[in-house]
Amino acid sequence: LEDHLLHLGKLTKEKKEKQRNVMKLKDYNQFSFHPKINPVSGRLATDRSKMSIAENSRDVSQSHIQGNKFEFLFEDAKRRKEHNEKMSKVIADTECTFRP
């Protein structure tokens, strides 16, 4: 009787584990794991990259820009953040005359 109950418990545990794995796979399959850029951000990335290329007079093909939109948007955001931090420091230095 004890062996039978242990065997049933083991089978139940295995069945639950199998169902858990099936549910995990089902959940994971609904995600593509690829970022999606909305149309506005895509246009911004293309426009900014064109301006950047024109300003820096680099010779980069349009297909190269299209393939690296994610990287370009990330780098552009990082550059803008650094610029904003720099500007806020400059403004604080010029407007805040008190020095402890």
N, C-alpha and C. Protein backbone atom coordinates (compact mmCIF):
# COMPACT_ATOMS: atom_id res chain seq x y z
N LEU A 1 0.84 -1.20 0.00
CA LEU A 1 0.00 0.00 0.00
C LEU A 1 0.88 1.26 0.00
N GLU A 2 1.92 1.27 0.85
CA GLU A 2 2.81 2.44 0.94
C GLU A 2 3.54 2.67 -0.39
N ASP A 3 4.03 1.58 -0.98
CA ASP A 3 4.73 1.70 -2.27
C ASP A 3 3.79 2.21 -3.36
N HIS A 4 2.55 1.75 -3.30
CA HIS A 4 1.56 2.19 -4.29
C HIS A 4 1.30 3.69 -4.16
N LEU A 5 1.14 4.18 -2.92
CA LEU A 5 0.91 5.60 -2.69
C LEU A 5 2.12 6.45 -3.13
N LEU A 6 3.32 5.95 -2.84
CA LEU A 6 4.52 6.66 -3.26
C LEU A 6 4.60 6.73 -4.78
N HIS A 7 4.24 5.63 -5.42
CA HIS A 7 4.25 5.59 -6.88
C HIS A 7 3.22 6.56 -7.46
N LEU A 8 2.02 6.60 -6.88
CA LEU A 8 0.98 7.54 -7.34
C LEU A 8 1.42 8.99 -7.13
N GLY A 9 2.05 9.26 -5.99
CA GLY A 9 2.55 10.61 -5.71
C GLY A 9 3.61 11.02 -6.72
N LYS A 10 4.50 10.09 -7.07
CA LYS A 10 5.55 10.36 -8.04
C LYS A 10 4.94 10.63 -9.41
N LEU A 11 3.95 9.83 -9.80
CA LEU A 11 3.28 10.04 -11.09
C LEU A 11 2.57 11.40 -11.14
N THR A 12 1.90 11.75 -10.03
CA THR A 12 1.21 13.03 -9.96
C THR A 12 2.20 14.18 -10.08
N LYS A 13 3.32 14.06 -9.39
CA LYS A 13 4.35 15.10 -9.43
C LYS A 13 4.91 15.25 -10.86
N GLU A 14 5.17 14.14 -11.51
CA GLU A 14 5.68 14.18 -12.88
C GLU A 14 4.66 14.80 -13.84
N LYS A 15 3.37 14.45 -13.63
CA LYS A 15 2.31 14.98 -14.48
C LYS A 15 2.20 16.49 -14.31
N LYS A 16 2.28 16.97 -13.07
CA LYS A 16 2.21 18.41 -12.80
C LYS A 16 3.41 19.13 -13.42
N GLU A 17 4.59 18.53 -13.30
CA GLU A 17 5.80 19.12 -13.87
C GLU A 17 5.69 19.21 -15.39
N LYS A 18 5.15 18.15 -16.00
CA LYS A 18 4.98 18.14 -17.45
C LYS A 18 3.99 19.23 -17.87
N GLN A 19 2.88 19.38 -17.13
CA GLN A 19 1.91 20.42 -17.44
C GLN A 19 2.52 21.81 -17.27
N ARG A 20 3.34 21.99 -16.24
CA ARG A 20 4.03 23.26 -16.01
C ARG A 20 4.93 23.61 -17.20
N ASN A 21 5.66 22.61 -17.69
CA ASN A 21 6.54 22.84 -18.83
C ASN A 21 5.76 23.19 -20.09
N VAL A 22 4.63 22.52 -20.29
CA VAL A 22 3.80 22.81 -21.46
C VAL A 22 3.27 24.24 -21.37
N MET A 23 2.84 24.66 -20.19
CA MET A 23 2.33 26.02 -20.01
C MET A 23 3.44 27.06 -20.22
N LYS A 24 4.64 26.76 -19.75
CA LYS A 24 5.78 27.66 -19.94
C LYS A 24 6.06 27.85 -21.43
N LEU A 25 6.11 26.75 -22.16
CA LEU A 25 6.35 26.83 -23.60
C LEU A 25 5.26 27.62 -24.30
N LYS A 26 4.04 27.39 -23.89
CA LYS A 26 2.91 28.09 -24.48
C LYS A 26 3.04 29.59 -24.21
N ASP A 27 3.42 29.96 -23.00
CA ASP A 27 3.60 31.37 -22.66
C ASP A 27 4.74 31.99 -23.45
N TYR A 28 5.86 31.30 -23.53
CA TYR A 28 7.04 31.84 -24.22
C TYR A 28 6.83 31.95 -25.72
N ASN A 29 6.04 31.08 -26.29
CA ASN A 29 5.82 31.10 -27.74
C ASN A 29 5.03 32.31 -28.20
N GLN A 30 4.33 32.98 -27.28
CA GLN A 30 3.57 34.15 -27.69
C GLN A 30 4.44 35.39 -27.87
N PHE A 31 5.69 35.33 -27.41
CA PHE A 31 6.60 36.46 -27.53
C PHE A 31 7.61 36.23 -28.64
N SER A 32 7.90 37.29 -29.37
CA SER A 32 8.85 37.16 -30.48
C SER A 32 10.28 37.42 -30.02
N PHE A 33 10.47 38.07 -28.88
CA PHE A 33 11.79 38.42 -28.34
C PHE A 33 12.55 39.32 -29.29
N HIS A 34 11.82 40.07 -30.11
CA HIS A 34 12.41 41.05 -31.00
C HIS A 34 11.72 42.38 -30.72
N PRO A 35 12.48 43.43 -30.49
CA PRO A 35 11.83 44.72 -30.23
C PRO A 35 11.07 45.21 -31.45
N LYS A 36 9.99 45.90 -31.20
CA LYS A 36 9.21 46.48 -32.28
C LYS A 36 9.27 47.99 -32.13
N ILE A 37 9.55 48.66 -33.23
CA ILE A 37 9.61 50.11 -33.23
C ILE A 37 8.32 50.62 -33.85
N ASN A 38 7.66 51.55 -33.14
CA ASN A 38 6.44 52.10 -33.72
C ASN A 38 6.81 52.99 -34.90
N PRO A 39 5.86 53.28 -35.78
CA PRO A 39 6.17 54.03 -37.00
C PRO A 39 6.81 55.40 -36.75
N VAL A 40 6.36 56.10 -35.70
CA VAL A 40 6.91 57.43 -35.42
C VAL A 40 8.39 57.32 -35.04
N SER A 41 8.72 56.38 -34.18
CA SER A 41 10.12 56.20 -33.79
C SER A 41 10.97 55.76 -34.98
N GLY A 42 10.41 54.95 -35.84
CA GLY A 42 11.14 54.53 -37.03
C GLY A 42 11.48 55.71 -37.93
N ARG A 43 10.49 56.61 -38.11
CA ARG A 43 10.74 57.80 -38.92
C ARG A 43 11.76 58.71 -38.25
N LEU A 44 11.65 58.86 -36.92
CA LEU A 44 12.63 59.68 -36.20
C LEU A 44 14.03 59.13 -36.36
N ALA A 45 14.16 57.83 -36.24
CA ALA A 45 15.49 57.21 -36.38
C ALA A 45 16.04 57.44 -37.77
N THR A 46 15.20 57.28 -38.77
CA THR A 46 15.66 57.47 -40.15
C THR A 46 16.03 58.93 -40.39
N ASP A 47 15.16 59.85 -39.94
CA ASP A 47 15.43 61.28 -40.14
C ASP A 47 16.69 61.72 -39.40
N ARG A 48 16.82 61.31 -38.15
CA ARG A 48 17.99 61.71 -37.37
C ARG A 48 19.27 61.11 -37.93
N SER A 49 19.17 59.88 -38.40
CA SER A 49 20.38 59.27 -38.95
C SER A 49 20.78 59.98 -40.23
N LYS A 50 19.79 60.41 -41.03
CA LYS A 50 20.11 61.17 -42.24
C LYS A 50 20.77 62.49 -41.89
N MET A 51 20.24 63.17 -40.85
CA MET A 51 20.83 64.44 -40.43
C MET A 51 22.24 64.22 -39.89
N SER A 52 22.41 63.18 -39.13
CA SER A 52 23.72 62.86 -38.57
C SER A 52 24.74 62.59 -39.66
N ILE A 53 24.30 61.86 -40.67
CA ILE A 53 25.19 61.54 -41.79
C ILE A 53 25.54 62.82 -42.55
N ALA A 54 24.53 63.67 -42.75
CA ALA A 54 24.78 64.93 -43.47
C ALA A 54 25.74 65.83 -42.68
N GLU A 55 25.57 65.87 -41.36
CA GLU A 55 26.42 66.72 -40.52
C GLU A 55 27.85 66.19 -40.47
N ASN A 56 27.97 64.90 -40.38
CA ASN A 56 29.31 64.31 -40.23
C ASN A 56 29.91 63.91 -41.58
N SER A 57 29.17 64.12 -42.64
CA SER A 57 29.57 63.76 -44.00
C SER A 57 30.17 62.36 -44.09
N ARG A 58 29.50 61.43 -43.43
CA ARG A 58 29.92 60.03 -43.52
C ARG A 58 29.19 59.39 -44.69
N ASP A 59 29.82 58.39 -45.29
CA ASP A 59 29.22 57.68 -46.41
C ASP A 59 28.65 56.36 -45.90
N VAL A 60 27.38 56.38 -45.51
CA VAL A 60 26.73 55.17 -44.99
C VAL A 60 25.50 54.91 -45.84
N SER A 61 25.34 53.69 -46.22
CA SER A 61 24.20 53.36 -47.09
C SER A 61 22.89 53.38 -46.30
N GLN A 62 21.79 53.62 -47.00
CA GLN A 62 20.48 53.65 -46.37
C GLN A 62 20.11 52.29 -45.78
N SER A 63 20.53 51.22 -46.42
CA SER A 63 20.22 49.89 -45.89
C SER A 63 20.93 49.66 -44.57
N HIS A 64 22.10 50.23 -44.40
CA HIS A 64 22.83 50.12 -43.14
C HIS A 64 22.06 50.83 -42.03
N ILE A 65 21.49 51.98 -42.36
CA ILE A 65 20.71 52.74 -41.38
C ILE A 65 19.47 51.94 -40.99
N GLN A 66 18.77 51.40 -41.98
CA GLN A 66 17.56 50.65 -41.71
C GLN A 66 17.84 49.44 -40.84
N GLY A 67 18.96 48.79 -41.02
CA GLY A 67 19.28 47.59 -40.27
C GLY A 67 19.66 47.86 -38.83
N ASN A 68 20.07 49.08 -38.53
CA ASN A 68 20.54 49.39 -37.19
C ASN A 68 19.67 50.43 -36.50
N LYS A 69 18.39 50.44 -36.78
CA LYS A 69 17.50 51.42 -36.14
C LYS A 69 17.52 51.29 -34.62
N PHE A 70 17.50 50.08 -34.13
CA PHE A 70 17.48 49.88 -32.69
C PHE A 70 18.74 50.46 -32.06
N GLU A 71 19.87 50.15 -32.65
CA GLU A 71 21.13 50.65 -32.13
C GLU A 71 21.20 52.17 -32.25
N PHE A 72 20.73 52.70 -33.38
CA PHE A 72 20.77 54.14 -33.59
C PHE A 72 19.89 54.84 -32.57
N LEU A 73 18.67 54.34 -32.34
CA LEU A 73 17.77 54.96 -31.37
C LEU A 73 18.38 54.91 -29.97
N PHE A 74 19.00 53.80 -29.63
CA PHE A 74 19.63 53.67 -28.32
C PHE A 74 20.77 54.67 -28.16
N GLU A 75 21.63 54.74 -29.16
CA GLU A 75 22.77 55.66 -29.10
C GLU A 75 22.30 57.11 -29.11
N ASP A 76 21.27 57.39 -29.88
CA ASP A 76 20.74 58.75 -29.94
C ASP A 76 20.17 59.15 -28.58
N ALA A 77 19.45 58.27 -27.94
CA ALA A 77 18.90 58.57 -26.61
C ALA A 77 20.02 58.79 -25.60
N LYS A 78 21.06 57.97 -25.68
CA LYS A 78 22.20 58.13 -24.77
C LYS A 78 22.88 59.47 -25.00
N ARG A 79 23.06 59.84 -26.28
CA ARG A 79 23.71 61.10 -26.61
C ARG A 79 22.87 62.29 -26.13
N ARG A 80 21.54 62.21 -26.34
CA ARG A 80 20.67 63.30 -25.90
C ARG A 80 20.66 63.42 -24.38
N LYS A 81 20.69 62.28 -23.67
CA LYS A 81 20.72 62.31 -22.21
C LYS A 81 22.00 62.99 -21.72
N GLU A 82 23.13 62.63 -22.31
CA GLU A 82 24.41 63.25 -21.93
C GLU A 82 24.38 64.74 -22.21
N HIS A 83 23.82 65.11 -23.36
CA HIS A 83 23.72 66.53 -23.71
C HIS A 83 22.85 67.28 -22.70
N ASN A 84 21.70 66.69 -22.33
CA ASN A 84 20.80 67.33 -21.36
C ASN A 84 21.47 67.49 -20.00
N GLU A 85 22.22 66.46 -19.56
CA GLU A 85 22.92 66.55 -18.29
C GLU A 85 23.98 67.65 -18.34
N LYS A 86 24.69 67.74 -19.44
CA LYS A 86 25.72 68.76 -19.61
C LYS A 86 25.09 70.15 -19.58
N MET A 87 23.99 70.32 -20.31
CA MET A 87 23.32 71.62 -20.35
C MET A 87 22.75 72.01 -19.00
N SER A 88 22.20 71.06 -18.26
CA SER A 88 21.65 71.39 -16.94
C SER A 88 22.77 71.79 -15.98
N LYS A 89 23.94 71.20 -16.12
CA LYS A 89 25.09 71.57 -15.30
C LYS A 89 25.55 72.98 -15.65
N VAL A 90 25.60 73.29 -16.95
CA VAL A 90 26.01 74.63 -17.39
C VAL A 90 25.03 75.67 -16.87
N ILE A 91 23.74 75.39 -17.00
CA ILE A 91 22.72 76.32 -16.52
C ILE A 91 22.83 76.50 -15.01
N ALA A 92 22.99 75.41 -14.29
CA ALA A 92 23.12 75.49 -12.84
C ALA A 92 24.35 76.30 -12.45
N ASP A 93 25.45 76.12 -13.16
CA ASP A 93 26.67 76.86 -12.85
C ASP A 93 26.52 78.35 -13.11
N THR A 94 25.78 78.71 -14.16
CA THR A 94 25.64 80.13 -14.49
C THR A 94 24.56 80.81 -13.66
N GLU A 95 23.51 80.09 -13.32
CA GLU A 95 22.40 80.71 -12.57
C GLU A 95 22.60 80.65 -11.07
N CYS A 96 23.32 79.67 -10.59
CA CYS A 96 23.52 79.52 -9.15
C CYS A 96 24.84 80.20 -8.77
N THR A 97 24.73 81.41 -8.26
CA THR A 97 25.94 82.17 -7.94
C THR A 97 26.48 81.85 -6.55
N PHE A 98 25.66 81.26 -5.71
CA PHE A 98 26.11 80.94 -4.36
C PHE A 98 27.07 79.76 -4.39
N ARG A 99 28.19 79.92 -3.72
CA ARG A 99 29.18 78.85 -3.59
C ARG A 99 29.42 78.62 -2.11
N PRO A 100 29.19 77.44 -1.63
CA PRO A 100 29.39 77.17 -0.19
C PRO A 100 30.87 77.23 0.21
